[in-house]
Amino acid sequence: MDATANSGPSRGGQAGHHGRNPPAGQRRERGGQAQTRGEELTYGALDLGTNNCRLLVASPSAHGFKVVDAFSRIVRLGEGLGRHGRLNEAAMDRTIEALRVCSNKLKWHRVARQRLVATEACRLSANGAEFIARVAQETGLELEIIDRETEAHLAAAGAEPLLASDARTAVVFDIGGGSTEVMWVQRSETGADVLAWISLAAGVVTLSERHGGGRDVVPEKYDAMRDDVRRLLMPFVADVQGLPDGGNGPDHLLGTSGTVTTIAGVHLGLRHYDRSRVDGCWLMSDEAERVTQHLRGLNYDDRAANGCIGRERADLVLAGCAILDEIRAAFPGQRIRVADRGLREGILAQMMRADGHLGKRT
């Protein structure tokens, strides 16, 4: 499988973490030059979020990079974080087990050029740094807690290849477990520039927990979640209005997250999630609205029975729908490009570009 990674800029949550023309995020990459397994030059990127642990191992190709191995597991590291301010033992144990799998894969592929990042759950928790030290001791992985600005830029870089060729501007959004990143992107001669961004203190886990959980979501609870997101989005909307093309709205939306890919899978009527059918597909705004309304009419067990949702996401998907509804309301374009890619792809593109290997065959 090839994942195109063109040049461009580079995800986090408290309201108010936003800005214009931010400088590129600082990066620290573990290891030296990428080495080969056999004839193959391999790079590794790991994204430990509030809900998921994801790893991607890839090698440069003529069209960007080729995925050599991938791993994704829902670990819910941030479970209960909003209530207690700390990562709990069960969540850390689950995550350590997933990270052991990642460590073994990185060793197997002899990856020397790698970047392993942790985001919102580790940023916000009182014991986040302590957990990172435990990860290093028990798995050998040295994770880097990145700031919100760096996260936003990396998410945009990962999704950038799916910007429509005729689009000058787009709103790129990444609905995560602990936060949601939203960026105004404008195409330039060298790729795409992030002109404004915000990190909202509302991801599918945090928003669900803030409003009493996501199993039984009555209309009043759903409306309250939307109100929350609308308030958090307001500073970003004001920033965009002040940009030269901001008043005209984006040419399209570009969503990268479990929420938008799940909605696309349900819309396509897939019995089981299929990345090849979802990544890069287009979703019209009214189609997203129909899926959201349909999911709101289902109970927890019915949502869990859907092959594109499953029991692990059934209590989170409606919080994601509420976030998406507010993004669509703030930027009412007709087209949404769906990306099953994000932070990991942005990390890989950044490392390969720095080494002069992006777009080259090994």
Foldseek 3Di string as FASTA:
>chain_A
DDAAFADDWAFADAQPPKDFPDDGFDADKFFDAFDADVPFGKEKEWEAEQFKTKIWIWGAALRFIGTPDIDMDGLNQCACCVPPLAGDPSSLVSVLVRVLVVLVVCVVRVTGTYAYEYYDSLVRHPCSVVSQVVSCVSRVDRYDYGHGNNQLGNQCSWQQVLDDPPWQWEWEWEAAQQWIKIFIWGADPRGIYTGMMTIYRAHLNRLQVVQPWQQQQDPVSLVVLLVRLLVSCVVRLVVLCPDPCSVVFTQEYEYEYLQVQLLQCVLVVPQARDQVVRAFDKDFPVSSVVSLVVLNPDGLVVQLNRRSAHNSRSGRNSSVSSNVVNVCVSGVDTMYTYHHIGNRSSVSSVVCVVVVRTSHDD
